[in-house]
PDB file of N, CA and C in Angstrom:
ATOM      1  N   MET A   1       9.076  23.832  -7.702  1.00  0.00           N
ATOM      2  CA  MET A   1       9.042  22.582  -6.968  1.00  0.00           C
ATOM      3  C   MET A   1      10.362  22.427  -6.214  1.00  0.00           C
ATOM      4  N   LYS A   2      10.228  22.025  -4.974  1.00  0.00           N
ATOM      5  CA  LYS A   2      11.393  21.860  -4.111  1.00  0.00           C
ATOM      6  C   LYS A   2      12.195  20.626  -4.536  1.00  0.00           C
ATOM      7  N   ARG A   3      13.526  20.761  -4.569  1.00  0.00           N
ATOM      8  CA  ARG A   3      14.411  19.624  -4.827  1.00  0.00           C
ATOM      9  C   ARG A   3      15.177  19.311  -3.559  1.00  0.00           C
ATOM     10  N   ILE A   4      15.251  18.022  -3.255  1.00  0.00           N
ATOM     11  CA  ILE A   4      15.917  17.602  -2.037  1.00  0.00           C
ATOM     12  C   ILE A   4      16.690  16.321  -2.329  1.00  0.00           C
ATOM     13  N   SER A   5      17.867  16.197  -1.751  1.00  0.00           N
ATOM     14  CA  SER A   5      18.665  14.989  -1.969  1.00  0.00           C
ATOM     15  C   SER A   5      18.035  13.817  -1.212  1.00  0.00           C
ATOM     16  N   ALA A   6      18.295  12.623  -1.679  1.00  0.00           N
ATOM     17  CA  ALA A   6      17.767  11.434  -1.016  1.00  0.00           C
ATOM     18  C   ALA A   6      18.269  11.360   0.424  1.00  0.00           C
ATOM     19  N   THR A   7      19.511  11.734   0.644  1.00  0.00           N
ATOM     20  CA  THR A   7      20.080  11.716   1.992  1.00  0.00           C
ATOM     21  C   THR A   7      19.312  12.657   2.908  1.00  0.00           C
ATOM     22  N   GLU A   8      19.075  13.869   2.441  1.00  0.00           N
ATOM     23  CA  GLU A   8      18.351  14.845   3.247  1.00  0.00           C
ATOM     24  C   GLU A   8      16.892  14.424   3.431  1.00  0.00           C
ATOM     25  N   ALA A   9      16.286  13.851   2.379  1.00  0.00           N
ATOM     26  CA  ALA A   9      14.910  13.372   2.484  1.00  0.00           C
ATOM     27  C   ALA A   9      14.814  12.286   3.551  1.00  0.00           C
ATOM     28  N   ASN A  10      15.816  11.428   3.607  1.00  0.00           N
ATOM     29  CA  ASN A  10      15.849  10.365   4.600  1.00  0.00           C
ATOM     30  C   ASN A  10      15.978  10.941   6.010  1.00  0.00           C
ATOM     31  N   ARG A  11      16.814  11.936   6.165  1.00  0.00           N
ATOM     32  CA  ARG A  11      17.040  12.544   7.488  1.00  0.00           C
ATOM     33  C   ARG A  11      15.811  13.272   8.013  1.00  0.00           C
ATOM     34  N   SER A  12      15.082  13.901   7.111  1.00  0.00           N
ATOM     35  CA  SER A  12      13.952  14.728   7.557  1.00  0.00           C
ATOM     36  C   SER A  12      12.662  14.323   6.855  1.00  0.00           C
ATOM     37  N   PHE A  13      12.411  13.018   6.821  1.00  0.00           N
ATOM     38  CA  PHE A  13      11.252  12.509   6.096  1.00  0.00           C
ATOM     39  C   PHE A  13       9.930  13.036   6.649  1.00  0.00           C
ATOM     40  N   SER A  14       9.797  13.123   7.952  1.00  0.00           N
ATOM     41  CA  SER A  14       8.553  13.632   8.544  1.00  0.00           C
ATOM     42  C   SER A  14       8.279  15.062   8.109  1.00  0.00           C
ATOM     43  N   LYS A  15       9.306  15.884   8.101  1.00  0.00           N
ATOM     44  CA  LYS A  15       9.134  17.277   7.665  1.00  0.00           C
ATOM     45  C   LYS A  15       8.782  17.341   6.184  1.00  0.00           C
ATOM     46  N   LEU A  16       9.427  16.475   5.392  1.00  0.00           N
ATOM     47  CA  LEU A  16       9.147  16.432   3.963  1.00  0.00           C
ATOM     48  C   LEU A  16       7.687  16.050   3.719  1.00  0.00           C
ATOM     49  N   LEU A  17       7.209  15.033   4.422  1.00  0.00           N
ATOM     50  CA  LEU A  17       5.806  14.626   4.276  1.00  0.00           C
ATOM     51  C   LEU A  17       4.851  15.739   4.709  1.00  0.00           C
ATOM     52  N   ALA A  18       5.183  16.427   5.779  1.00  0.00           N
ATOM     53  CA  ALA A  18       4.339  17.539   6.245  1.00  0.00           C
ATOM     54  C   ALA A  18       4.253  18.621   5.178  1.00  0.00           C
ATOM     55  N   SER A  19       5.367  18.910   4.537  1.00  0.00           N
ATOM     56  CA  SER A  19       5.404  19.918   3.480  1.00  0.00           C
ATOM     57  C   SER A  19       4.564  19.480   2.278  1.00  0.00           C
ATOM     58  N   VAL A  20       4.699  18.228   1.888  1.00  0.00           N
ATOM     59  CA  VAL A  20       3.934  17.708   0.751  1.00  0.00           C
ATOM     60  C   VAL A  20       2.452  17.699   1.075  1.00  0.00           C
ATOM     61  N   ARG A  21       2.131  17.345   2.296  1.00  0.00           N
ATOM     62  CA  ARG A  21       0.731  17.324   2.724  1.00  0.00           C
ATOM     63  C   ARG A  21       0.092  18.704   2.610  1.00  0.00           C
ATOM     64  N   LYS A  22       0.885  19.733   2.775  1.00  0.00           N
ATOM     65  CA  LYS A  22       0.390  21.119   2.656  1.00  0.00           C
ATOM     66  C   LYS A  22       0.278  21.559   1.204  1.00  0.00           C
ATOM     67  N   GLY A  23       0.610  20.645   0.264  1.00  0.00           N
ATOM     68  CA  GLY A  23       0.450  20.963  -1.153  1.00  0.00           C
ATOM     69  C   GLY A  23       1.726  21.370  -1.853  1.00  0.00           C
ATOM     70  N   LYS A  24       2.889  21.153  -1.223  1.00  0.00           N
ATOM     71  CA  LYS A  24       4.164  21.533  -1.819  1.00  0.00           C
ATOM     72  C   LYS A  24       4.909  20.280  -2.277  1.00  0.00           C
ATOM     73  N   PRO A  25       4.788  19.917  -3.576  1.00  0.00           N
ATOM     74  CA  PRO A  25       5.471  18.721  -4.060  1.00  0.00           C
ATOM     75  C   PRO A  25       6.985  18.876  -4.000  1.00  0.00           C
ATOM     76  N   ALA A  26       7.679  17.746  -4.016  1.00  0.00           N
ATOM     77  CA  ALA A  26       9.143  17.769  -3.951  1.00  0.00           C
ATOM     78  C   ALA A  26       9.716  16.741  -4.917  1.00  0.00           C
ATOM     79  N   GLU A  27      10.870  17.061  -5.465  1.00  0.00           N
ATOM     80  CA  GLU A  27      11.617  16.112  -6.290  1.00  0.00           C
ATOM     81  C   GLU A  27      12.800  15.628  -5.472  1.00  0.00           C
ATOM     82  N   ILE A  28      13.035  14.337  -5.508  1.00  0.00           N
ATOM     83  CA  ILE A  28      14.128  13.744  -4.749  1.00  0.00           C
ATOM     84  C   ILE A  28      15.235  13.378  -5.723  1.00  0.00           C
ATOM     85  N   THR A  29      16.450  13.778  -5.368  1.00  0.00           N
ATOM     86  CA  THR A  29      17.581  13.572  -6.269  1.00  0.00           C
ATOM     87  C   THR A  29      18.617  12.632  -5.671  1.00  0.00           C
ATOM     88  N   VAL A  30      19.324  11.959  -6.563  1.00  0.00           N
ATOM     89  CA  VAL A  30      20.484  11.159  -6.201  1.00  0.00           C
ATOM     90  C   VAL A  30      21.612  11.630  -7.103  1.00  0.00           C
ATOM     91  N   ARG A  31      22.654  12.154  -6.482  1.00  0.00           N
ATOM     92  CA  ARG A  31      23.797  12.717  -7.212  1.00  0.00           C
ATOM     93  C   ARG A  31      23.358  13.742  -8.257  1.00  0.00           C
ATOM     94  N   GLY A  32      22.373  14.553  -7.867  1.00  0.00           N
ATOM     95  CA  GLY A  32      21.917  15.644  -8.722  1.00  0.00           C
ATOM     96  C   GLY A  32      20.872  15.258  -9.755  1.00  0.00           C
ATOM     97  N   GLU A  33      20.586  13.989  -9.907  1.00  0.00           N
ATOM     98  CA  GLU A  33      19.600  13.530 -10.889  1.00  0.00           C
ATOM     99  C   GLU A  33      18.271  13.253 -10.177  1.00  0.00           C
ATOM    100  N   VAL A  34      17.190  13.795 -10.723  1.00  0.00           N
ATOM    101  CA  VAL A  34      15.865  13.575 -10.142  1.00  0.00           C
ATOM    102  C   VAL A  34      15.479  12.113 -10.371  1.00  0.00           C
ATOM    103  N   VAL A  35      15.161  11.413  -9.267  1.00  0.00           N
ATOM    104  CA  VAL A  35      14.787  10.002  -9.358  1.00  0.00           C
ATOM    105  C   VAL A  35      13.354   9.741  -8.895  1.00  0.00           C
ATOM    106  N   ALA A  36      12.756  10.704  -8.191  1.00  0.00           N
ATOM    107  CA  ALA A  36      11.392  10.513  -7.705  1.00  0.00           C
ATOM    108  C   ALA A  36      10.725  11.857  -7.490  1.00  0.00           C
ATOM    109  N   ARG A  37       9.412  11.829  -7.544  1.00  0.00           N
ATOM    110  CA  ARG A  37       8.626  13.029  -7.268  1.00  0.00           C
ATOM    111  C   ARG A  37       7.604  12.656  -6.203  1.00  0.00           C
ATOM    112  N   LEU A  38       7.537  13.453  -5.167  1.00  0.00           N
ATOM    113  CA  LEU A  38       6.599  13.233  -4.069  1.00  0.00           C
ATOM    114  C   LEU A  38       5.584  14.358  -4.113  1.00  0.00           C
ATOM    115  N   GLU A  39       4.303  13.969  -4.255  1.00  0.00           N
ATOM    116  CA  GLU A  39       3.260  14.979  -4.361  1.00  0.00           C
ATOM    117  C   GLU A  39       2.027  14.535  -3.584  1.00  0.00           C
ATOM    118  N   PRO A  40       1.179  15.498  -3.200  1.00  0.00           N
ATOM    119  CA  PRO A  40      -0.009  15.148  -2.428  1.00  0.00           C
ATOM    120  C   PRO A  40      -0.975  14.306  -3.252  1.00  0.00           C
ATOM    121  N   VAL A  41      -1.737  13.474  -2.577  1.00  0.00           N
ATOM    122  CA  VAL A  41      -2.756  12.664  -3.226  1.00  0.00           C
ATOM    123  C   VAL A  41      -3.937  13.556  -3.550  1.00  0.00           C
ATOM    124  N   SER A  42      -4.506  13.373  -4.737  1.00  0.00           N
ATOM    125  CA  SER A  42      -5.645  14.194  -5.141  1.00  0.00           C
ATOM    126  C   SER A  42      -6.893  13.786  -4.355  1.00  0.00           C
ATOM    127  N   PRO A  43      -7.846  14.699  -4.223  1.00  0.00           N
ATOM    128  CA  PRO A  43      -9.088  14.371  -3.504  1.00  0.00           C
ATOM    129  C   PRO A  43      -9.825  13.171  -4.114  1.00  0.00           C
ATOM    130  N   GLN A  44      -9.773  13.017  -5.449  1.00  0.00           N
ATOM    131  CA  GLN A  44     -10.424  11.880  -6.100  1.00  0.00           C
ATOM    132  C   GLN A  44      -9.773  10.570  -5.656  1.00  0.00           C
ATOM    133  N   ASP A  45      -8.430  10.560  -5.559  1.00  0.00           N
ATOM    134  CA  ASP A  45      -7.728   9.357  -5.122  1.00  0.00           C
ATOM    135  C   ASP A  45      -8.058   9.030  -3.674  1.00  0.00           C
ATOM    136  N   ARG A  46      -8.202  10.043  -2.848  1.00  0.00           N
ATOM    137  CA  ARG A  46      -8.577   9.805  -1.444  1.00  0.00           C
ATOM    138  C   ARG A  46      -9.961   9.178  -1.364  1.00  0.00           C
ATOM    139  N   ALA A  47     -10.889   9.693  -2.195  1.00  0.00           N
ATOM    140  CA  ALA A  47     -12.251   9.158  -2.196  1.00  0.00           C
ATOM    141  C   ALA A  47     -12.248   7.711  -2.671  1.00  0.00           C
ATOM    142  N   SER A  48     -11.471   7.409  -3.714  1.00  0.00           N
ATOM    143  CA  SER A  48     -11.454   6.038  -4.214  1.00  0.00           C
ATOM    144  C   SER A  48     -10.803   5.096  -3.196  1.00  0.00           C
ATOM    145  N   GLU A  49      -9.838   5.595  -2.420  1.00  0.00           N
ATOM    146  CA  GLU A  49      -9.219   4.778  -1.377  1.00  0.00           C
ATOM    147  C   GLU A  49     -10.245   4.446  -0.293  1.00  0.00           C
ATOM    148  N   LYS A  50     -11.090   5.407   0.049  1.00  0.00           N
ATOM    149  CA  LYS A  50     -12.144   5.155   1.033  1.00  0.00           C
ATOM    150  C   LYS A  50     -13.115   4.100   0.512  1.00  0.00           C
ATOM    151  N   ASP A  51     -13.433   4.176  -0.782  1.00  0.00           N
ATOM    152  CA  ASP A  51     -14.322   3.175  -1.383  1.00  0.00           C
ATOM    153  C   ASP A  51     -13.690   1.791  -1.338  1.00  0.00           C
ATOM    154  N   ARG A  52     -12.382   1.699  -1.631  1.00  0.00           N
ATOM    155  CA  ARG A  52     -11.693   0.411  -1.583  1.00  0.00           C
ATOM    156  C   ARG A  52     -11.713  -0.155  -0.165  1.00  0.00           C
ATOM    157  N   ARG A  53     -11.468   0.700   0.810  1.00  0.00           N
ATOM    158  CA  ARG A  53     -11.505   0.247   2.202  1.00  0.00           C
ATOM    159  C   ARG A  53     -12.896  -0.264   2.583  1.00  0.00           C
ATOM    160  N   LYS A  54     -13.914   0.486   2.155  1.00  0.00           N
ATOM    161  CA  LYS A  54     -15.294   0.092   2.450  1.00  0.00           C
ATOM    162  C   LYS A  54     -15.598  -1.264   1.790  1.00  0.00           C
ATOM    163  N   ASP A  55     -15.171  -1.439   0.536  1.00  0.00           N
ATOM    164  CA  ASP A  55     -15.380  -2.712  -0.159  1.00  0.00           C
ATOM    165  C   ASP A  55     -14.633  -3.843   0.541  1.00  0.00           C
ATOM    166  N   TRP A  56     -13.410  -3.565   1.002  1.00  0.00           N
ATOM    167  CA  TRP A  56     -12.626  -4.587   1.698  1.00  0.00           C
ATOM    168  C   TRP A  56     -13.320  -5.011   2.996  1.00  0.00           C
ATOM    169  N   GLU A  57     -13.793  -4.044   3.748  1.00  0.00           N
ATOM    170  CA  GLU A  57     -14.491  -4.358   4.994  1.00  0.00           C
ATOM    171  C   GLU A  57     -15.772  -5.160   4.728  1.00  0.00           C
ATOM    172  N   LYS A  58     -16.475  -4.804   3.667  1.00  0.00           N
ATOM    173  CA  LYS A  58     -17.679  -5.536   3.298  1.00  0.00           C
ATOM    174  C   LYS A  58     -17.326  -6.986   2.947  1.00  0.00           C
ATOM    175  N   PHE A  59     -16.252  -7.186   2.199  1.00  0.00           N
ATOM    176  CA  PHE A  59     -15.787  -8.522   1.832  1.00  0.00           C
ATOM    177  C   PHE A  59     -15.391  -9.319   3.078  1.00  0.00           C
ATOM    178  N   MET A  60     -14.637  -8.683   3.976  1.00  0.00           N
ATOM    179  CA  MET A  60     -14.199  -9.365   5.194  1.00  0.00           C
ATOM    180  C   MET A  60     -15.399  -9.747   6.068  1.00  0.00           C
ATOM    181  N   GLU A  61     -16.391  -8.892   6.151  1.00  0.00           N
ATOM    182  CA  GLU A  61     -17.599  -9.196   6.917  1.00  0.00           C
ATOM    183  C   GLU A  61     -18.330 -10.383   6.304  1.00  0.00           C
ATOM    184  N   HIS A  62     -18.350 -10.435   4.982  1.00  0.00           N
ATOM    185  CA  HIS A  62     -18.955 -11.580   4.296  1.00  0.00           C
ATOM    186  C   HIS A  62     -18.222 -12.872   4.668  1.00  0.00           C
ATOM    187  N   LEU A  63     -16.888 -12.826   4.646  1.00  0.00           N
ATOM    188  CA  LEU A  63     -16.111 -14.018   5.000  1.00  0.00           C
ATOM    189  C   LEU A  63     -16.370 -14.438   6.444  1.00  0.00           C
ATOM    190  N   ARG A  64     -16.441 -13.471   7.343  1.00  0.00           N
ATOM    191  CA  ARG A  64     -16.686 -13.778   8.753  1.00  0.00           C
ATOM    192  C   ARG A  64     -18.062 -14.411   8.976  1.00  0.00           C
ATOM    193  N   SER A  65     -19.003 -14.086   8.114  1.00  0.00           N
ATOM    194  CA  SER A  65     -20.360 -14.610   8.277  1.00  0.00           C
ATOM    195  C   SER A  65     -20.510 -16.031   7.735  1.00  0.00           C
ATOM    196  N   GLN A  66     -19.501 -16.533   7.030  1.00  0.00           N
ATOM    197  CA  GLN A  66     -19.577 -17.874   6.458  1.00  0.00           C
ATOM    198  C   GLN A  66     -19.325 -18.924   7.531  1.00  0.00           C
ATOM    199  N   PRO A  67     -19.989 -20.097   7.394  1.00  0.00           N
ATOM    200  CA  PRO A  67     -19.772 -21.154   8.383  1.00  0.00           C
ATOM    201  C   PRO A  67     -18.357 -21.721   8.279  1.00  0.00           C
ATOM    202  N   VAL A  68     -17.850 -22.195   9.394  1.00  0.00           N
ATOM    203  CA  VAL A  68     -16.530 -22.815   9.425  1.00  0.00           C
ATOM    204  C   VAL A  68     -16.669 -24.239   8.912  1.00  0.00           C
ATOM    205  N   LEU A  69     -15.839 -24.605   7.952  1.00  0.00           N
ATOM    206  CA  LEU A  69     -15.858 -25.956   7.411  1.00  0.00           C
ATOM    207  C   LEU A  69     -14.755 -26.756   8.077  1.00  0.00           C
ATOM    208  N   ASN A  70     -15.127 -27.843   8.698  1.00  0.00           N
ATOM    209  CA  ASN A  70     -14.140 -28.685   9.370  1.00  0.00           C
ATOM    210  C   ASN A  70     -13.647 -29.773   8.416  1.00  0.00           C
ATOM    211  N   ILE A  71     -12.911 -29.361   7.436  1.00  0.00           N
ATOM    212  CA  ILE A  71     -12.358 -30.282   6.448  1.00  0.00           C
ATOM    213  C   ILE A  71     -11.037 -30.811   6.991  1.00  0.00           C
ATOM    214  N   PRO A  72     -10.855 -32.143   6.961  1.00  0.00           N
ATOM    215  CA  PRO A  72      -9.587 -32.679   7.475  1.00  0.00           C
ATOM    216  C   PRO A  72      -8.399 -32.162   6.673  1.00  0.00           C
ATOM    217  N   ARG A  73      -7.316 -31.913   7.367  1.00  0.00           N
ATOM    218  CA  ARG A  73      -6.110 -31.416   6.717  1.00  0.00           C
ATOM    219  C   ARG A  73      -5.416 -32.586   6.040  1.00  0.00           C
ATOM    220  N   GLY A  74      -4.892 -32.360   4.872  1.00  0.00           N
ATOM    221  CA  GLY A  74      -4.151 -33.383   4.158  1.00  0.00           C
ATOM    222  C   GLY A  74      -2.722 -32.934   3.939  1.00  0.00           C
ATOM    223  N   THR A  75      -1.923 -33.839   3.468  1.00  0.00           N
ATOM    224  CA  THR A  75      -0.538 -33.506   3.148  1.00  0.00           C
ATOM    225  C   THR A  75      -0.403 -33.302   1.646  1.00  0.00           C
ATOM    226  N   ARG A  76       0.654 -32.706   1.259  1.00  0.00           N
ATOM    227  CA  ARG A  76       0.923 -32.501  -0.161  1.00  0.00           C
ATOM    228  C   ARG A  76       1.014 -33.847  -0.882  1.00  0.00           C
ATOM    229  N   ASP A  77       1.633 -34.837  -0.230  1.00  0.00           N
ATOM    230  CA  ASP A  77       1.757 -36.159  -0.833  1.00  0.00           C
ATOM    231  C   ASP A  77       0.384 -36.782  -1.087  1.00  0.00           C
ATOM    232  N   GLU A  78      -0.535 -36.612  -0.143  1.00  0.00           N
ATOM    233  CA  GLU A  78      -1.883 -37.146  -0.320  1.00  0.00           C
ATOM    234  C   GLU A  78      -2.614 -36.446  -1.450  1.00  0.00           C
ATOM    235  N   LEU A  79      -2.365 -35.195  -1.611  1.00  0.00           N
ATOM    236  CA  LEU A  79      -3.017 -34.425  -2.668  1.00  0.00           C
ATOM    237  C   LEU A  79      -2.614 -34.935  -4.043  1.00  0.00           C
ATOM    238  N   TYR A  80      -1.352 -35.276  -4.213  1.00  0.00           N
ATOM    239  CA  TYR A  80      -0.837 -35.703  -5.499  1.00  0.00           C
ATOM    240  C   TYR A  80      -0.601 -37.217  -5.571  1.00  0.00           C
ATOM    241  N   ASP A  81      -1.285 -37.987  -4.756  1.00  0.00           N
ATOM    242  CA  ASP A  81      -1.115 -39.439  -4.724  1.00  0.00           C
ATOM    243  C   ASP A  81      -1.688 -40.024  -6.023  1.00  0.00           C
ATOM    244  N   ASP A  82      -0.892 -40.816  -6.744  1.00  0.00           N
ATOM    245  CA  ASP A  82      -1.291 -41.392  -8.031  1.00  0.00           C
ATOM    246  C   ASP A  82      -1.941 -42.768  -7.869  1.00  0.00           C
ATOM    247  N   ASP A  83      -2.098 -43.286  -6.687  1.00  0.00           N
ATOM    248  CA  ASP A  83      -2.635 -44.623  -6.468  1.00  0.00           C
ATOM    249  C   ASP A  83      -4.154 -44.664  -6.537  1.00  0.00           C
ATOM    250  N   LYS A  84      -4.780 -43.655  -6.964  1.00  0.00           N
ATOM    251  CA  LYS A  84      -6.244 -43.611  -6.980  1.00  0.00           C
ATOM    252  C   LYS A  84      -6.782 -44.124  -8.287  1.00  0.00           C
TER     253      LYS A  84
END
């Protein structure tokens, strides 16, 4: 596994991501100590992300199909008014 300093990772982040995307994970170090590991997303995680996106779009479409309620706006003071 490739080790790269945080400074170098910052300077060449696009190249680092391209390398990881090709299946080459990397460990990122700060003062010689490994603080993070960057690795490609598994195919299962990609599939579940697509499902989440699909569910989100379905939810948003549901919200868009709901009628607009013209409820008068109130103030915080009116909401918590004790004179009722």
